[in-house]
Amino acid sequence: MSETDPRVPDMRKREALLIHIEGLQVTITKRNQRIEELQNMMTEPMQSEAVVRRIDRARKEGWEACADLLASSTHEMARALGRIRHDAMAVYFKEAERARGESHND
């Protein structure tokens, strides 16, 4: 084709359009990558905050369970000590009564 060919400007326009389209595709690809990066930046802290909240909730539930167990164990121990004291006093009074009975028999 020669420059006098009437189709030459159309070919140049087509080439220019192809170059322009390729440039737009590169720009769109870069923009989409940046959007994805920004979306990742936005979701990471939310995920981290959600994980932190779950960990805090689990930690709180653990401490509450531990406190409940400690309280129930303490109450159980207090009841056991009360029974021991009761039994010890019963033995003491029984011995005191026996000792009084022996002293009256003398």
N, C-alpha and C. Protein backbone atom coordinates (compact mmCIF):
# COMPACT_ATOMS: atom_id res chain seq x y z
N MET A 1 0.83 -1.17 0.00
CA MET A 1 0.00 0.00 0.00
C MET A 1 0.87 1.23 0.00
N SER A 2 0.44 2.14 -0.73
CA SER A 2 1.20 3.38 -0.82
C SER A 2 0.50 4.45 -0.02
N GLU A 3 1.23 5.53 0.16
CA GLU A 3 0.64 6.62 0.93
C GLU A 3 -0.50 7.28 0.17
N THR A 4 -0.57 7.04 -1.08
CA THR A 4 -1.68 7.60 -1.86
C THR A 4 -2.92 6.73 -1.76
N ASP A 5 -2.75 5.56 -1.19
CA ASP A 5 -3.89 4.67 -1.02
C ASP A 5 -4.87 5.31 -0.03
N PRO A 6 -6.14 5.38 -0.36
CA PRO A 6 -7.11 6.04 0.52
C PRO A 6 -7.31 5.30 1.84
N ARG A 7 -6.89 4.04 1.97
CA ARG A 7 -7.08 3.28 3.21
C ARG A 7 -5.98 3.57 4.24
N VAL A 8 -4.93 4.25 3.88
CA VAL A 8 -3.80 4.50 4.78
C VAL A 8 -4.25 5.26 6.03
N PRO A 9 -5.01 6.34 5.93
CA PRO A 9 -5.43 7.02 7.17
C PRO A 9 -6.26 6.10 8.06
N ASP A 10 -7.07 5.25 7.47
CA ASP A 10 -7.86 4.32 8.28
C ASP A 10 -6.95 3.35 9.03
N MET A 11 -5.89 2.90 8.39
CA MET A 11 -4.95 1.99 9.05
C MET A 11 -4.22 2.71 10.19
N ARG A 12 -3.85 3.93 9.96
CA ARG A 12 -3.17 4.69 11.01
C ARG A 12 -4.12 4.95 12.18
N LYS A 13 -5.37 5.24 11.86
CA LYS A 13 -6.36 5.44 12.91
C LYS A 13 -6.56 4.15 13.70
N ARG A 14 -6.61 3.03 12.97
CA ARG A 14 -6.78 1.74 13.62
C ARG A 14 -5.61 1.44 14.54
N GLU A 15 -4.40 1.68 14.07
CA GLU A 15 -3.21 1.46 14.89
C GLU A 15 -3.23 2.36 16.11
N ALA A 16 -3.61 3.60 15.90
CA ALA A 16 -3.69 4.54 17.02
C ALA A 16 -4.75 4.08 18.03
N LEU A 17 -5.87 3.60 17.52
CA LEU A 17 -6.92 3.09 18.41
C LEU A 17 -6.43 1.85 19.17
N LEU A 18 -5.73 0.95 18.51
CA LEU A 18 -5.20 -0.24 19.17
C LEU A 18 -4.21 0.13 20.28
N ILE A 19 -3.35 1.10 19.97
CA ILE A 19 -2.39 1.56 20.97
C ILE A 19 -3.12 2.19 22.14
N HIS A 20 -4.15 2.99 21.83
CA HIS A 20 -4.95 3.63 22.88
C HIS A 20 -5.66 2.58 23.73
N ILE A 21 -6.23 1.56 23.09
CA ILE A 21 -6.93 0.48 23.81
C ILE A 21 -5.96 -0.28 24.70
N GLU A 22 -4.78 -0.58 24.19
CA GLU A 22 -3.78 -1.28 25.00
C GLU A 22 -3.40 -0.44 26.22
N GLY A 23 -3.25 0.87 26.01
CA GLY A 23 -2.94 1.77 27.13
C GLY A 23 -4.06 1.76 28.17
N LEU A 24 -5.30 1.77 27.69
CA LEU A 24 -6.43 1.72 28.61
C LEU A 24 -6.47 0.40 29.38
N GLN A 25 -6.16 -0.69 28.69
CA GLN A 25 -6.14 -1.99 29.36
C GLN A 25 -5.09 -2.03 30.47
N VAL A 26 -3.92 -1.46 30.20
CA VAL A 26 -2.87 -1.40 31.23
C VAL A 26 -3.35 -0.56 32.41
N THR A 27 -3.96 0.59 32.11
CA THR A 27 -4.46 1.47 33.17
C THR A 27 -5.53 0.78 34.00
N ILE A 28 -6.46 0.08 33.33
CA ILE A 28 -7.53 -0.62 34.04
C ILE A 28 -6.96 -1.75 34.89
N THR A 29 -5.98 -2.47 34.37
CA THR A 29 -5.35 -3.55 35.13
C THR A 29 -4.68 -3.01 36.38
N LYS A 30 -3.95 -1.91 36.25
CA LYS A 30 -3.30 -1.28 37.41
C LYS A 30 -4.34 -0.80 38.41
N ARG A 31 -5.43 -0.21 37.91
CA ARG A 31 -6.48 0.28 38.80
C ARG A 31 -7.12 -0.88 39.55
N ASN A 32 -7.40 -1.98 38.85
CA ASN A 32 -8.01 -3.13 39.50
C ASN A 32 -7.09 -3.74 40.56
N GLN A 33 -5.79 -3.76 40.27
CA GLN A 33 -4.83 -4.25 41.26
C GLN A 33 -4.83 -3.35 42.49
N ARG A 34 -4.88 -2.05 42.28
CA ARG A 34 -4.88 -1.11 43.40
C ARG A 34 -6.17 -1.25 44.22
N ILE A 35 -7.28 -1.44 43.53
CA ILE A 35 -8.55 -1.64 44.24
C ILE A 35 -8.47 -2.89 45.10
N GLU A 36 -7.91 -3.95 44.54
CA GLU A 36 -7.77 -5.20 45.30
C GLU A 36 -6.87 -5.00 46.51
N GLU A 37 -5.76 -4.26 46.33
CA GLU A 37 -4.86 -3.98 47.45
C GLU A 37 -5.59 -3.21 48.54
N LEU A 38 -6.36 -2.20 48.15
CA LEU A 38 -7.10 -1.39 49.12
C LEU A 38 -8.17 -2.22 49.83
N GLN A 39 -8.84 -3.10 49.08
CA GLN A 39 -9.83 -3.97 49.71
C GLN A 39 -9.17 -4.90 50.72
N ASN A 40 -8.01 -5.43 50.38
CA ASN A 40 -7.28 -6.28 51.32
C ASN A 40 -6.88 -5.51 52.56
N MET A 41 -6.46 -4.27 52.37
CA MET A 41 -6.08 -3.44 53.51
C MET A 41 -7.28 -3.19 54.41
N MET A 42 -8.45 -3.06 53.82
CA MET A 42 -9.65 -2.81 54.61
C MET A 42 -10.14 -4.06 55.33
N THR A 43 -10.04 -5.22 54.71
CA THR A 43 -10.56 -6.44 55.34
C THR A 43 -9.61 -7.02 56.36
N GLU A 44 -8.30 -6.83 56.20
CA GLU A 44 -7.34 -7.38 57.15
C GLU A 44 -7.57 -6.85 58.56
N PRO A 45 -7.69 -5.53 58.76
CA PRO A 45 -7.93 -5.06 60.12
C PRO A 45 -9.26 -5.56 60.68
N MET A 46 -10.28 -5.65 59.84
CA MET A 46 -11.57 -6.15 60.33
C MET A 46 -11.44 -7.59 60.77
N GLN A 47 -10.71 -8.38 59.99
CA GLN A 47 -10.51 -9.77 60.38
C GLN A 47 -9.69 -9.83 61.66
N SER A 48 -8.69 -8.99 61.74
CA SER A 48 -7.85 -8.98 62.94
C SER A 48 -8.68 -8.55 64.14
N GLU A 49 -9.51 -7.52 63.98
CA GLU A 49 -10.34 -7.06 65.08
C GLU A 49 -11.33 -8.15 65.49
N ALA A 50 -11.87 -8.84 64.52
CA ALA A 50 -12.81 -9.93 64.83
C ALA A 50 -12.10 -11.04 65.58
N VAL A 51 -10.89 -11.36 65.16
CA VAL A 51 -10.11 -12.40 65.83
C VAL A 51 -9.79 -11.96 67.25
N VAL A 52 -9.40 -10.70 67.42
CA VAL A 52 -9.08 -10.18 68.75
C VAL A 52 -10.32 -10.24 69.64
N ARG A 53 -11.48 -9.87 69.10
CA ARG A 53 -12.72 -9.93 69.89
C ARG A 53 -13.03 -11.37 70.31
N ARG A 54 -12.86 -12.31 69.37
CA ARG A 54 -13.12 -13.71 69.71
C ARG A 54 -12.16 -14.21 70.78
N ILE A 55 -10.89 -13.83 70.65
CA ILE A 55 -9.90 -14.24 71.65
C ILE A 55 -10.23 -13.63 73.01
N ASP A 56 -10.60 -12.34 73.02
CA ASP A 56 -10.96 -11.69 74.28
C ASP A 56 -12.18 -12.36 74.91
N ARG A 57 -13.17 -12.69 74.10
CA ARG A 57 -14.38 -13.35 74.61
C ARG A 57 -14.02 -14.72 75.19
N ALA A 58 -13.18 -15.48 74.47
CA ALA A 58 -12.77 -16.80 74.96
C ALA A 58 -11.97 -16.67 76.26
N ARG A 59 -11.11 -15.67 76.31
CA ARG A 59 -10.31 -15.45 77.52
C ARG A 59 -11.22 -15.11 78.70
N LYS A 60 -12.21 -14.24 78.45
CA LYS A 60 -13.15 -13.85 79.51
C LYS A 60 -13.95 -15.06 79.98
N GLU A 61 -14.43 -15.86 79.03
CA GLU A 61 -15.18 -17.06 79.40
C GLU A 61 -14.31 -18.02 80.20
N GLY A 62 -13.04 -18.12 79.84
CA GLY A 62 -12.11 -18.97 80.58
C GLY A 62 -11.90 -18.49 82.00
N TRP A 63 -11.70 -17.19 82.16
CA TRP A 63 -11.51 -16.62 83.50
C TRP A 63 -12.77 -16.79 84.34
N GLU A 64 -13.94 -16.60 83.72
CA GLU A 64 -15.18 -16.77 84.46
C GLU A 64 -15.35 -18.23 84.89
N ALA A 65 -15.03 -19.16 84.01
CA ALA A 65 -15.13 -20.58 84.37
C ALA A 65 -14.15 -20.91 85.49
N CYS A 66 -12.96 -20.34 85.42
CA CYS A 66 -11.95 -20.56 86.45
C CYS A 66 -12.43 -19.99 87.78
N ALA A 67 -12.99 -18.79 87.75
CA ALA A 67 -13.49 -18.16 88.98
C ALA A 67 -14.64 -18.97 89.57
N ASP A 68 -15.53 -19.47 88.71
CA ASP A 68 -16.64 -20.30 89.19
C ASP A 68 -16.12 -21.58 89.83
N LEU A 69 -15.14 -22.21 89.19
CA LEU A 69 -14.56 -23.43 89.74
C LEU A 69 -13.88 -23.15 91.08
N LEU A 70 -13.15 -22.05 91.16
CA LEU A 70 -12.48 -21.68 92.41
C LEU A 70 -13.51 -21.44 93.51
N ALA A 71 -14.58 -20.72 93.17
CA ALA A 71 -15.62 -20.43 94.17
C ALA A 71 -16.28 -21.72 94.64
N SER A 72 -16.64 -22.60 93.71
CA SER A 72 -17.31 -23.84 94.12
C SER A 72 -16.35 -24.73 94.92
N SER A 73 -15.08 -24.77 94.54
CA SER A 73 -14.10 -25.56 95.29
C SER A 73 -13.90 -24.99 96.69
N THR A 74 -13.89 -23.67 96.79
CA THR A 74 -13.72 -23.03 98.09
C THR A 74 -14.91 -23.33 98.99
N HIS A 75 -16.12 -23.26 98.44
CA HIS A 75 -17.31 -23.57 99.23
C HIS A 75 -17.32 -25.03 99.66
N GLU A 76 -16.92 -25.91 98.76
CA GLU A 76 -16.85 -27.33 99.09
C GLU A 76 -15.83 -27.58 100.20
N MET A 77 -14.70 -26.90 100.12
CA MET A 77 -13.66 -27.04 101.15
C MET A 77 -14.17 -26.49 102.48
N ALA A 78 -14.90 -25.37 102.44
CA ALA A 78 -15.45 -24.81 103.67
C ALA A 78 -16.45 -25.78 104.31
N ARG A 79 -17.29 -26.42 103.49
CA ARG A 79 -18.22 -27.41 104.03
C ARG A 79 -17.47 -28.59 104.64
N ALA A 80 -16.41 -29.04 103.97
CA ALA A 80 -15.61 -30.16 104.49
C ALA A 80 -14.97 -29.77 105.82
N LEU A 81 -14.43 -28.55 105.89
CA LEU A 81 -13.83 -28.10 107.15
C LEU A 81 -14.88 -27.98 108.25
N GLY A 82 -16.08 -27.57 107.87
CA GLY A 82 -17.18 -27.49 108.85
C GLY A 82 -17.52 -28.87 109.39
N ARG A 83 -17.55 -29.88 108.53
CA ARG A 83 -17.82 -31.25 108.98
C ARG A 83 -16.70 -31.75 109.89
N ILE A 84 -15.45 -31.43 109.52
CA ILE A 84 -14.31 -31.84 110.36
C ILE A 84 -14.41 -31.18 111.73
N ARG A 85 -14.73 -29.89 111.76
CA ARG A 85 -14.85 -29.17 113.03
C ARG A 85 -15.99 -29.78 113.86
N HIS A 86 -17.10 -30.09 113.19
CA HIS A 86 -18.24 -30.70 113.89
C HIS A 86 -17.84 -32.04 114.49
N ASP A 87 -17.17 -32.87 113.69
CA ASP A 87 -16.73 -34.18 114.18
C ASP A 87 -15.71 -34.02 115.31
N ALA A 88 -14.80 -33.06 115.17
CA ALA A 88 -13.79 -32.84 116.22
C ALA A 88 -14.46 -32.39 117.52
N MET A 89 -15.45 -31.51 117.41
CA MET A 89 -16.15 -31.05 118.61
C MET A 89 -16.94 -32.19 119.24
N ALA A 90 -17.52 -33.04 118.37
CA ALA A 90 -18.26 -34.19 118.90
C ALA A 90 -17.33 -35.10 119.68
N VAL A 91 -16.14 -35.36 119.13
CA VAL A 91 -15.16 -36.19 119.83
C VAL A 91 -14.74 -35.50 121.13
N TYR A 92 -14.52 -34.19 121.11
CA TYR A 92 -14.11 -33.44 122.28
C TYR A 92 -15.17 -33.54 123.38
N PHE A 93 -16.43 -33.29 122.99
CA PHE A 93 -17.50 -33.33 124.00
C PHE A 93 -17.72 -34.75 124.52
N LYS A 94 -17.59 -35.73 123.65
CA LYS A 94 -17.74 -37.12 124.08
C LYS A 94 -16.65 -37.47 125.08
N GLU A 95 -15.42 -37.05 124.83
CA GLU A 95 -14.31 -37.31 125.75
C GLU A 95 -14.49 -36.53 127.04
N ALA A 96 -14.98 -35.29 126.91
CA ALA A 96 -15.20 -34.47 128.11
C ALA A 96 -16.28 -35.12 128.97
N GLU A 97 -17.33 -35.61 128.34
CA GLU A 97 -18.41 -36.26 129.09
C GLU A 97 -17.90 -37.54 129.73
N ARG A 98 -17.11 -38.30 128.98
CA ARG A 98 -16.54 -39.54 129.53
C ARG A 98 -15.62 -39.22 130.71
N ALA A 99 -14.83 -38.15 130.56
CA ALA A 99 -13.91 -37.77 131.64
C ALA A 99 -14.70 -37.32 132.86
N ARG A 100 -15.80 -36.61 132.64
CA ARG A 100 -16.64 -36.17 133.76
C ARG A 100 -17.28 -37.39 134.45
N GLY A 101 -17.68 -38.34 133.64
CA GLY A 101 -18.29 -39.56 134.20
C GLY A 101 -17.29 -40.35 135.02
N GLU A 102 -16.05 -40.39 134.59
CA GLU A 102 -15.02 -41.10 135.35
C GLU A 102 -14.70 -40.38 136.64
N SER A 103 -14.74 -39.04 136.58
CA SER A 103 -14.42 -38.30 137.80
C SER A 103 -15.55 -38.41 138.83
N HIS A 104 -16.78 -38.60 138.39
CA HIS A 104 -17.89 -38.78 139.32
C HIS A 104 -17.88 -40.18 139.92
N ASN A 105 -17.35 -41.11 139.17
CA ASN A 105 -17.30 -42.49 139.67
C ASN A 105 -16.19 -42.68 140.72
N ASP A 106 -15.28 -41.82 140.77
CA ASP A 106 -14.17 -41.98 141.73
C ASP A 106 -14.61 -41.67 143.10
